[in-house]
Structures are given as C-alpha cells and as structure tokens.
Amino acid sequence: QAIDDNFSFYTAVPGYMSLRNAISAKLKRENHL
C-alpha cells in the first residue's frame, strides 16, 4: 500500500514521525517507558 501511495521520497533522518509515534506508543504500552 505504501508503494501505491507513493511513499517513495526521502524521509526525515530519524524516520517518519508516524513510525516514531508508533514506537513511542509500543514502549509505553509494553515496557511502561
């Protein structure tokens, strides 16, 4: 789907904010961090 939606450009160096938000939520949910 990401290919079809043209997520084909450079991202921010530390990664998409949406992915970092997902990781932040994972750390809170699973690790209480």
Full PDB file with SEQRES, HELIX, SHEET, SSBOND, CRYST1, ORIGX, SCALE, CONECT and MASTER records, all heavy atoms in Angstrom:
SEQRES   1 A   33  GLN ALA ILE ASP ASP ASN PHE SER PHE TYR THR ALA VAL          
SEQRES   2 A   33  PRO GLY TYR MET SER LEU ARG ASN ALA ILE SER ALA LYS          
SEQRES   3 A   33  LEU LYS ARG GLU ASN HIS LEU                                  
HELIX    1 AA1 MET A   17  ASN A   31  1                                  15    
CRYST1    1.000    1.000    1.000  90.00  90.00  90.00 P 1           1          
ORIGX1      1.000000  0.000000  0.000000        0.00000                         
ORIGX2      0.000000  1.000000  0.000000        0.00000                         
ORIGX3      0.000000  0.000000  1.000000        0.00000                         
SCALE1      1.000000  0.000000  0.000000        0.00000                         
SCALE2      0.000000  1.000000  0.000000        0.00000                         
SCALE3      0.000000  0.000000  1.000000        0.00000                         
ATOM      1  N   GLN A   1       0.827  -1.199   0.000  1.00  0.00           N  
ATOM      2  CA  GLN A   1       0.000   0.000   0.000  1.00  0.00           C  
ATOM      3  C   GLN A   1       0.869   1.260   0.000  1.00  0.00           C  
ATOM      4  O   GLN A   1       0.555   2.249  -0.680  1.00  0.00           O  
ATOM      5  CB  GLN A   1      -0.929   0.008   1.214  1.00  0.00           C  
ATOM      6  CG  GLN A   1      -1.984   1.115   1.194  1.00  0.00           C  
ATOM      7  CD  GLN A   1      -2.945   0.972   0.032  1.00  0.00           C  
ATOM      8  OE1 GLN A   1      -3.499  -0.094  -0.202  1.00  0.00           O  
ATOM      9  NE2 GLN A   1      -3.126   2.048  -0.736  1.00  0.00           N  
ATOM     10  N   ALA A   2       1.969   1.202   0.746  1.00  0.00           N  
ATOM     11  CA  ALA A   2       2.875   2.357   0.813  1.00  0.00           C  
ATOM     12  C   ALA A   2       3.472   2.653  -0.557  1.00  0.00           C  
ATOM     13  O   ALA A   2       3.666   3.819  -0.927  1.00  0.00           O  
ATOM     14  CB  ALA A   2       3.978   2.096   1.837  1.00  0.00           C  
ATOM     15  N   ILE A   3       3.766   1.603  -1.320  1.00  0.00           N  
ATOM     16  CA  ILE A   3       4.283   1.798  -2.688  1.00  0.00           C  
ATOM     17  C   ILE A   3       3.210   2.481  -3.542  1.00  0.00           C  
ATOM     18  O   ILE A   3       3.481   3.471  -4.243  1.00  0.00           O  
ATOM     19  CB  ILE A   3       4.708   0.456  -3.302  1.00  0.00           C  
ATOM     20  CG1 ILE A   3       5.933  -0.100  -2.569  1.00  0.00           C  
ATOM     21  CG2 ILE A   3       5.024   0.626  -4.795  1.00  0.00           C  
ATOM     22  CD1 ILE A   3       6.287  -1.530  -2.938  1.00  0.00           C  
ATOM     23  N   ASP A   4       1.985   1.961  -3.460  1.00  0.00           N  
ATOM     24  CA  ASP A   4       0.896   2.540  -4.251  1.00  0.00           C  
ATOM     25  C   ASP A   4       0.589   3.978  -3.841  1.00  0.00           C  
ATOM     26  O   ASP A   4       0.171   4.795  -4.667  1.00  0.00           O  
ATOM     27  CB  ASP A   4      -0.379   1.686  -4.106  1.00  0.00           C  
ATOM     28  CG  ASP A   4      -0.258   0.329  -4.796  1.00  0.00           C  
ATOM     29  OD1 ASP A   4       0.611   0.193  -5.686  1.00  0.00           O  
ATOM     30  OD2 ASP A   4      -1.019  -0.589  -4.435  1.00  0.00           O  
ATOM     31  N   ASP A   5       0.810   4.259  -2.558  1.00  0.00           N  
ATOM     32  CA  ASP A   5       0.535   5.611  -2.057  1.00  0.00           C  
ATOM     33  C   ASP A   5       1.739   6.542  -2.204  1.00  0.00           C  
ATOM     34  O   ASP A   5       1.749   7.647  -1.655  1.00  0.00           O  
ATOM     35  CB  ASP A   5       0.118   5.549  -0.582  1.00  0.00           C  
ATOM     36  CG  ASP A   5      -1.256   4.900  -0.392  1.00  0.00           C  
ATOM     37  OD1 ASP A   5      -1.991   4.766  -1.388  1.00  0.00           O  
ATOM     38  OD2 ASP A   5      -1.578   4.520   0.754  1.00  0.00           O  
ATOM     39  N   ASN A   6       2.739   6.074  -2.916  1.00  0.00           N  
ATOM     40  CA  ASN A   6       3.923   6.891  -3.256  1.00  0.00           C  
ATOM     41  C   ASN A   6       4.744   7.357  -2.059  1.00  0.00           C  
ATOM     42  O   ASN A   6       5.257   8.483  -2.039  1.00  0.00           O  
ATOM     43  CB  ASN A   6       3.504   8.096  -4.109  1.00  0.00           C  
ATOM     44  CG  ASN A   6       2.906   7.654  -5.435  1.00  0.00           C  
ATOM     45  OD1 ASN A   6       3.530   6.881  -6.165  1.00  0.00           O  
ATOM     46  ND2 ASN A   6       1.703   8.110  -5.730  1.00  0.00           N  
ATOM     47  N   PHE A   7       4.907   6.471  -1.092  1.00  0.00           N  
ATOM     48  CA  PHE A   7       5.856   6.751  -0.009  1.00  0.00           C  
ATOM     49  C   PHE A   7       7.257   6.384  -0.523  1.00  0.00           C  
ATOM     50  O   PHE A   7       7.885   5.431  -0.075  1.00  0.00           O  
ATOM     51  CB  PHE A   7       5.504   5.939   1.241  1.00  0.00           C  
ATOM     52  CG  PHE A   7       4.373   6.520   2.022  1.00  0.00           C  
ATOM     53  CD1 PHE A   7       3.068   6.092   1.796  1.00  0.00           C  
ATOM     54  CD2 PHE A   7       4.602   7.514   2.973  1.00  0.00           C  
ATOM     55  CE1 PHE A   7       2.011   6.638   2.527  1.00  0.00           C  
ATOM     56  CE2 PHE A   7       3.558   8.057   3.695  1.00  0.00           C  
ATOM     57  CZ  PHE A   7       2.249   7.623   3.466  1.00  0.00           C  
ATOM     58  N   SER A   8       7.711   7.174  -1.476  1.00  0.00           N  
ATOM     59  CA  SER A   8       8.941   6.821  -2.196  1.00  0.00           C  
ATOM     60  C   SER A   8       9.974   7.944  -2.185  1.00  0.00           C  
ATOM     61  O   SER A   8      10.906   7.957  -2.986  1.00  0.00           O  
ATOM     62  CB  SER A   8       8.606   6.442  -3.649  1.00  0.00           C  
ATOM     63  OG  SER A   8       7.790   7.433  -4.242  1.00  0.00           O  
ATOM     64  N   PHE A   9       9.795   8.865  -1.266  1.00  0.00           N  
ATOM     65  CA  PHE A   9      10.718  10.003  -1.176  1.00  0.00           C  
ATOM     66  C   PHE A   9      11.557   9.888   0.103  1.00  0.00           C  
ATOM     67  O   PHE A   9      11.259   9.096   0.991  1.00  0.00           O  
ATOM     68  CB  PHE A   9       9.922  11.315  -1.177  1.00  0.00           C  
ATOM     69  CG  PHE A   9       9.104  11.508  -2.419  1.00  0.00           C  
ATOM     70  CD1 PHE A   9       7.785  11.072  -2.474  1.00  0.00           C  
ATOM     71  CD2 PHE A   9       9.667  12.096  -3.549  1.00  0.00           C  
ATOM     72  CE1 PHE A   9       7.026  11.232  -3.632  1.00  0.00           C  
ATOM     73  CE2 PHE A   9       8.913  12.274  -4.711  1.00  0.00           C  
ATOM     74  CZ  PHE A   9       7.587  11.834  -4.752  1.00  0.00           C  
ATOM     75  N   TYR A  10      12.610  10.688   0.168  1.00  0.00           N  
ATOM     76  CA  TYR A  10      13.423  10.709   1.383  1.00  0.00           C  
ATOM     77  C   TYR A  10      12.531  10.931   2.608  1.00  0.00           C  
ATOM     78  O   TYR A  10      11.598  11.739   2.570  1.00  0.00           O  
ATOM     79  CB  TYR A  10      14.436  11.858   1.351  1.00  0.00           C  
ATOM     80  CG  TYR A  10      15.572  11.707   0.384  1.00  0.00           C  
ATOM     81  CD1 TYR A  10      15.945  12.790  -0.434  1.00  0.00           C  
ATOM     82  CD2 TYR A  10      16.307  10.536   0.287  1.00  0.00           C  
ATOM     83  CE1 TYR A  10      17.010  12.688  -1.316  1.00  0.00           C  
ATOM     84  CE2 TYR A  10      17.372  10.428  -0.596  1.00  0.00           C  
ATOM     85  CZ  TYR A  10      17.720  11.502  -1.401  1.00  0.00           C  
ATOM     86  OH  TYR A  10      18.761  11.405  -2.270  1.00  0.00           O  
ATOM     87  N   THR A  11      12.889  10.262   3.681  1.00  0.00           N  
ATOM     88  CA  THR A  11      12.208  10.534   4.952  1.00  0.00           C  
ATOM     89  C   THR A  11      13.119  11.412   5.808  1.00  0.00           C  
ATOM     90  O   THR A  11      14.291  11.611   5.475  1.00  0.00           O  
ATOM     91  CB  THR A  11      11.910   9.224   5.717  1.00  0.00           C  
ATOM     92  OG1 THR A  11      13.131   8.738   6.308  1.00  0.00           O  
ATOM     93  CG2 THR A  11      11.326   8.162   4.802  1.00  0.00           C  
ATOM     94  N   ALA A  12      12.579  11.890   6.908  1.00  0.00           N  
ATOM     95  CA  ALA A  12      13.433  12.579   7.878  1.00  0.00           C  
ATOM     96  C   ALA A  12      14.530  11.604   8.314  1.00  0.00           C  
ATOM     97  O   ALA A  12      14.315  10.383   8.351  1.00  0.00           O  
ATOM     98  CB  ALA A  12      12.608  13.017   9.075  1.00  0.00           C  
ATOM     99  N   VAL A  13      15.698  12.123   8.648  1.00  0.00           N  
ATOM    100  CA  VAL A  13      16.826  11.259   9.022  1.00  0.00           C  
ATOM    101  C   VAL A  13      16.451  10.274  10.129  1.00  0.00           C  
ATOM    102  O   VAL A  13      16.763   9.078  10.026  1.00  0.00           O  
ATOM    103  CB  VAL A  13      18.059  12.105   9.424  1.00  0.00           C  
ATOM    104  CG1 VAL A  13      19.138  11.223  10.048  1.00  0.00           C  
ATOM    105  CG2 VAL A  13      18.612  12.834   8.206  1.00  0.00           C  
ATOM    106  N   PRO A  14      15.776  10.699  11.214  1.00  0.00           N  
ATOM    107  CA  PRO A  14      15.452   9.735  12.272  1.00  0.00           C  
ATOM    108  C   PRO A  14      14.219   8.889  11.980  1.00  0.00           C  
ATOM    109  O   PRO A  14      13.803   8.103  12.829  1.00  0.00           O  
ATOM    110  CB  PRO A  14      15.217  10.621  13.493  1.00  0.00           C  
ATOM    111  CG  PRO A  14      14.790  11.930  12.947  1.00  0.00           C  
ATOM    112  CD  PRO A  14      15.458  12.077  11.613  1.00  0.00           C  
ATOM    113  N   GLY A  15      13.644   9.021  10.776  1.00  0.00           N  
ATOM    114  CA  GLY A  15      12.493   8.207  10.411  1.00  0.00           C  
ATOM    115  C   GLY A  15      11.194   8.993  10.397  1.00  0.00           C  
ATOM    116  O   GLY A  15      11.111  10.105  10.929  1.00  0.00           O  
ATOM    117  N   TYR A  16      10.170   8.417   9.772  1.00  0.00           N  
ATOM    118  CA  TYR A  16       8.858   9.052   9.754  1.00  0.00           C  
ATOM    119  C   TYR A  16       8.373   9.318  11.176  1.00  0.00           C  
ATOM    120  O   TYR A  16       8.518   8.464  12.064  1.00  0.00           O  
ATOM    121  CB  TYR A  16       7.821   8.146   9.082  1.00  0.00           C  
ATOM    122  CG  TYR A  16       7.870   8.109   7.572  1.00  0.00           C  
ATOM    123  CD1 TYR A  16       7.954   6.887   6.900  1.00  0.00           C  
ATOM    124  CD2 TYR A  16       7.783   9.269   6.808  1.00  0.00           C  
ATOM    125  CE1 TYR A  16       7.965   6.825   5.513  1.00  0.00           C  
ATOM    126  CE2 TYR A  16       7.803   9.229   5.424  1.00  0.00           C  
ATOM    127  CZ  TYR A  16       7.889   8.007   4.772  1.00  0.00           C  
ATOM    128  OH  TYR A  16       7.911   7.951   3.413  1.00  0.00           O  
ATOM    129  N   MET A  17       7.745  10.461  11.370  1.00  0.00           N  
ATOM    130  CA  MET A  17       7.182  10.766  12.682  1.00  0.00           C  
ATOM    131  C   MET A  17       6.107   9.747  13.047  1.00  0.00           C  
ATOM    132  O   MET A  17       5.972   9.360  14.218  1.00  0.00           O  
ATOM    133  CB  MET A  17       6.602  12.189  12.696  1.00  0.00           C  
ATOM    134  CG  MET A  17       6.009  12.604  14.030  1.00  0.00           C  
ATOM    135  SD  MET A  17       7.186  12.509  15.415  1.00  0.00           S  
ATOM    136  CE  MET A  17       8.194  13.966  15.086  1.00  0.00           C  
ATOM    137  N   SER A  18       5.346   9.284  12.060  1.00  0.00           N  
ATOM    138  CA  SER A  18       4.289   8.305  12.343  1.00  0.00           C  
ATOM    139  C   SER A  18       4.881   7.002  12.889  1.00  0.00           C  
ATOM    140  O   SER A  18       4.299   6.375  13.786  1.00  0.00           O  
ATOM    141  CB  SER A  18       3.470   8.020  11.083  1.00  0.00           C  
ATOM    142  OG  SER A  18       4.314   7.614  10.008  1.00  0.00           O  
ATOM    143  N   LEU A  19       6.040   6.580  12.381  1.00  0.00           N  
ATOM    144  CA  LEU A  19       6.685   5.369  12.896  1.00  0.00           C  
ATOM    145  C   LEU A  19       7.253   5.620  14.288  1.00  0.00           C  
ATOM    146  O   LEU A  19       7.120   4.779  15.187  1.00  0.00           O  
ATOM    147  CB  LEU A  19       7.797   4.909  11.946  1.00  0.00           C  
ATOM    148  CG  LEU A  19       8.650   3.730  12.439  1.00  0.00           C  
ATOM    149  CD1 LEU A  19       7.792   2.526  12.812  1.00  0.00           C  
ATOM    150  CD2 LEU A  19       9.688   3.332  11.370  1.00  0.00           C  
ATOM    151  N   ARG A  20       7.861   6.774  14.492  1.00  0.00           N  
ATOM    152  CA  ARG A  20       8.410   7.072  15.822  1.00  0.00           C  
ATOM    153  C   ARG A  20       7.296   7.194  16.858  1.00  0.00           C  
ATOM    154  O   ARG A  20       7.476   6.806  18.018  1.00  0.00           O  
ATOM    155  CB  ARG A  20       9.279   8.328  15.765  1.00  0.00           C  
ATOM    156  CG  ARG A  20      10.625   8.052  15.085  1.00  0.00           C  
ATOM    157  CD  ARG A  20      11.525   9.268  15.085  1.00  0.00           C  
ATOM    158  NE  ARG A  20      11.132  10.219  14.061  1.00  0.00           N  
ATOM    159  CZ  ARG A  20      11.267  11.535  14.153  1.00  0.00           C  
ATOM    160  NH1 ARG A  20      11.786  12.066  15.266  1.00  0.00           N  
ATOM    161  NH2 ARG A  20      10.909  12.326  13.171  1.00  0.00           N  
ATOM    162  N   ASN A  21       6.140   7.700  16.435  1.00  0.00           N  
ATOM    163  CA  ASN A  21       4.979   7.718  17.332  1.00  0.00           C  
ATOM    164  C   ASN A  21       4.546   6.295  17.685  1.00  0.00           C  
ATOM    165  O   ASN A  21       4.198   6.001  18.834  1.00  0.00           O  
ATOM    166  CB  ASN A  21       3.805   8.457  16.677  1.00  0.00           C  
ATOM    167  CG  ASN A  21       3.877   9.969  16.877  1.00  0.00           C  
ATOM    168  OD1 ASN A  21       4.269  10.436  17.943  1.00  0.00           O  
ATOM    169  ND2 ASN A  21       3.511  10.736  15.861  1.00  0.00           N  
ATOM    170  N   ALA A  22       4.572   5.409  16.692  1.00  0.00           N  
ATOM    171  CA  ALA A  22       4.179   4.011  16.919  1.00  0.00           C  
ATOM    172  C   ALA A  22       5.158   3.323  17.876  1.00  0.00           C  
ATOM    173  O   ALA A  22       4.746   2.547  18.747  1.00  0.00           O  
ATOM    174  CB  ALA A  22       4.120   3.258  15.588  1.00  0.00           C  
ATOM    175  N   ILE A  23       6.442   3.617  17.727  1.00  0.00           N  
ATOM    176  CA  ILE A  23       7.460   3.036  18.619  1.00  0.00           C  
ATOM    177  C   ILE A  23       7.298   3.599  20.031  1.00  0.00           C  
ATOM    178  O   ILE A  23       7.371   2.867  21.022  1.00  0.00           O  
ATOM    179  CB  ILE A  23       8.872   3.304  18.075  1.00  0.00           C  
ATOM    180  CG1 ILE A  23       9.091   2.548  16.755  1.00  0.00           C  
ATOM    181  CG2 ILE A  23       9.938   2.901  19.100  1.00  0.00           C  
ATOM    182  CD1 ILE A  23      10.340   2.971  15.993  1.00  0.00           C  
ATOM    183  N   SER A  24       7.056   4.895  20.115  1.00  0.00           N  
ATOM    184  CA  SER A  24       6.838   5.537  21.414  1.00  0.00           C  
ATOM    185  C   SER A  24       5.647   4.895  22.131  1.00  0.00           C  
ATOM    186  O   SER A  24       5.709   4.599  23.333  1.00  0.00           O  
ATOM    187  CB  SER A  24       6.593   7.038  21.215  1.00  0.00           C  
ATOM    188  OG  SER A  24       6.282   7.670  22.431  1.00  0.00           O  
ATOM    189  N   ALA A  25       4.584   4.642  21.376  1.00  0.00           N  
ATOM    190  CA  ALA A  25       3.387   4.017  21.955  1.00  0.00           C  
ATOM    191  C   ALA A  25       3.681   2.576  22.372  1.00  0.00           C  
ATOM    192  O   ALA A  25       3.204   2.111  23.419  1.00  0.00           O  
ATOM    193  CB  ALA A  25       2.238   4.048  20.947  1.00  0.00           C  
ATOM    194  N   LYS A  26       4.461   1.859  21.580  1.00  0.00           N  
ATOM    195  CA  LYS A  26       4.842   0.486  21.916  1.00  0.00           C  
ATOM    196  C   LYS A  26       5.634   0.444  23.222  1.00  0.00           C  
ATOM    197  O   LYS A  26       5.403  -0.392  24.095  1.00  0.00           O  
ATOM    198  CB  LYS A  26       5.667  -0.118  20.781  1.00  0.00           C  
ATOM    199  CG  LYS A  26       6.297  -1.489  21.105  1.00  0.00           C  
ATOM    200  CD  LYS A  26       7.782  -1.330  21.460  1.00  0.00           C  
ATOM    201  CE  LYS A  26       8.464  -2.645  21.686  1.00  0.00           C  
ATOM    202  NZ  LYS A  26       8.566  -3.109  23.068  1.00  0.00           N  
ATOM    203  N   LEU A  27       6.597   1.361  23.366  1.00  0.00           N  
ATOM    204  CA  LEU A  27       7.421   1.400  24.576  1.00  0.00           C  
ATOM    205  C   LEU A  27       6.576   1.713  25.808  1.00  0.00           C  
ATOM    206  O   LEU A  27       6.818   1.176  26.886  1.00  0.00           O  
ATOM    207  CB  LEU A  27       8.547   2.423  24.404  1.00  0.00           C  
ATOM    208  CG  LEU A  27       9.637   2.032  23.401  1.00  0.00           C  
ATOM    209  CD1 LEU A  27      10.518   3.237  23.046  1.00  0.00           C  
ATOM    210  CD2 LEU A  27      10.498   0.895  23.949  1.00  0.00           C  
ATOM    211  N   LYS A  28       5.586   2.563  25.640  1.00  0.00           N  
ATOM    212  CA  LYS A  28       4.683   2.900  26.755  1.00  0.00           C  
ATOM    213  C   LYS A  28       3.794   1.709  27.083  1.00  0.00           C  
ATOM    214  O   LYS A  28       3.645   1.316  28.255  1.00  0.00           O  
ATOM    215  CB  LYS A  28       3.826   4.109  26.362  1.00  0.00           C  
ATOM    216  CG  LYS A  28       2.808   4.521  27.412  1.00  0.00           C  
ATOM    217  CD  LYS A  28       3.473   5.138  28.624  1.00  0.00           C  
ATOM    218  CE  LYS A  28       2.454   5.702  29.586  1.00  0.00           C  
ATOM    219  NZ  LYS A  28       3.093   6.169  30.838  1.00  0.00           N  
ATOM    220  N   ARG A  29       3.211   1.103  26.045  1.00  0.00           N  
ATOM    221  CA  ARG A  29       2.230   0.019  26.207  1.00  0.00           C  
ATOM    222  C   ARG A  29       2.870  -1.256  26.767  1.00  0.00           C  
ATOM    223  O   ARG A  29       2.353  -1.880  27.684  1.00  0.00           O  
ATOM    224  CB  ARG A  29       1.599  -0.251  24.843  1.00  0.00           C  
ATOM    225  CG  ARG A  29       0.560  -1.355  24.793  1.00  0.00           C  
ATOM    226  CD  ARG A  29      -0.030  -1.483  23.390  1.00  0.00           C  
ATOM    227  NE  ARG A  29       0.931  -1.956  22.400  1.00  0.00           N  
ATOM    228  CZ  ARG A  29       1.372  -1.251  21.374  1.00  0.00           C  
ATOM    229  NH1 ARG A  29       0.970  -0.008  21.184  1.00  0.00           N  
ATOM    230  NH2 ARG A  29       2.239  -1.763  20.510  1.00  0.00           N  
ATOM    231  N   GLU A  30       4.004  -1.641  26.200  1.00  0.00           N  
ATOM    232  CA  GLU A  30       4.610  -2.926  26.528  1.00  0.00           C  
ATOM    233  C   GLU A  30       5.683  -2.855  27.605  1.00  0.00           C  
ATOM    234  O   GLU A  30       5.920  -3.833  28.313  1.00  0.00           O  
ATOM    235  CB  GLU A  30       5.216  -3.563  25.268  1.00  0.00           C  
ATOM    236  CG  GLU A  30       4.190  -3.905  24.214  1.00  0.00           C  
ATOM    237  CD  GLU A  30       4.795  -4.562  22.985  1.00  0.00           C  
ATOM    238  OE1 GLU A  30       6.038  -4.739  22.942  1.00  0.00           O  
ATOM    239  OE2 GLU A  30       4.025  -4.896  22.073  1.00  0.00           O  
ATOM    240  N   ASN A  31       6.355  -1.710  27.708  1.00  0.00           N  
ATOM    241  CA  ASN A  31       7.509  -1.617  28.601  1.00  0.00           C  
ATOM    242  C   ASN A  31       7.360  -0.584  29.703  1.00  0.00           C  
ATOM    243  O   ASN A  31       8.271  -0.425  30.520  1.00  0.00           O  
ATOM    244  CB  ASN A  31       8.778  -1.317  27.787  1.00  0.00           C  
ATOM    245  CG  ASN A  31       8.967  -2.264  26.621  1.00  0.00           C  
ATOM    246  OD1 ASN A  31       8.698  -1.920  25.481  1.00  0.00           O  
ATOM    247  ND2 ASN A  31       9.400  -3.486  26.903  1.00  0.00           N  
ATOM    248  N   HIS A  32       6.235   0.168  29.691  1.00  0.00           N  
ATOM    249  CA  HIS A  32       5.981   1.204  30.713  1.00  0.00           C  
ATOM    250  C   HIS A  32       7.077   2.272  30.713  1.00  0.00           C  
ATOM    251  O   HIS A  32       7.475   2.773  31.766  1.00  0.00           O  
ATOM    252  CB  HIS A  32       5.843   0.568  32.109  1.00  0.00           C  
ATOM    253  CG  HIS A  32       5.055  -0.711  32.104  1.00  0.00           C  
ATOM    254  ND1 HIS A  32       3.710  -0.743  31.797  1.00  0.00           N  
ATOM    255  CD2 HIS A  32       5.421  -2.000  32.335  1.00  0.00           C  
ATOM    256  CE1 HIS A  32       3.274  -1.994  31.852  1.00  0.00           C  
ATOM    257  NE2 HIS A  32       4.287  -2.769  32.168  1.00  0.00           N  
ATOM    258  N   LEU A  33       7.553   2.594  29.514  1.00  0.00           N  
ATOM    259  CA  LEU A  33       8.629   3.565  29.363  1.00  0.00           C  
ATOM    260  C   LEU A  33       8.133   4.784  28.600  1.00  0.00           C  
ATOM    261  O   LEU A  33       7.374   4.656  27.627  1.00  0.00           O  
ATOM    262  CB  LEU A  33       9.808   2.945  28.616  1.00  0.00           C  
ATOM    263  CG  LEU A  33      10.500   1.763  29.320  1.00  0.00           C  
ATOM    264  CD1 LEU A  33      11.536   1.134  28.401  1.00  0.00           C  
ATOM    265  CD2 LEU A  33      11.148   2.211  30.628  1.00  0.00           C  
TER     266      LEU A  33                                                      
MASTER        0    0    0    1    0    0    0    6  265    1    0    3          
END                                                                             
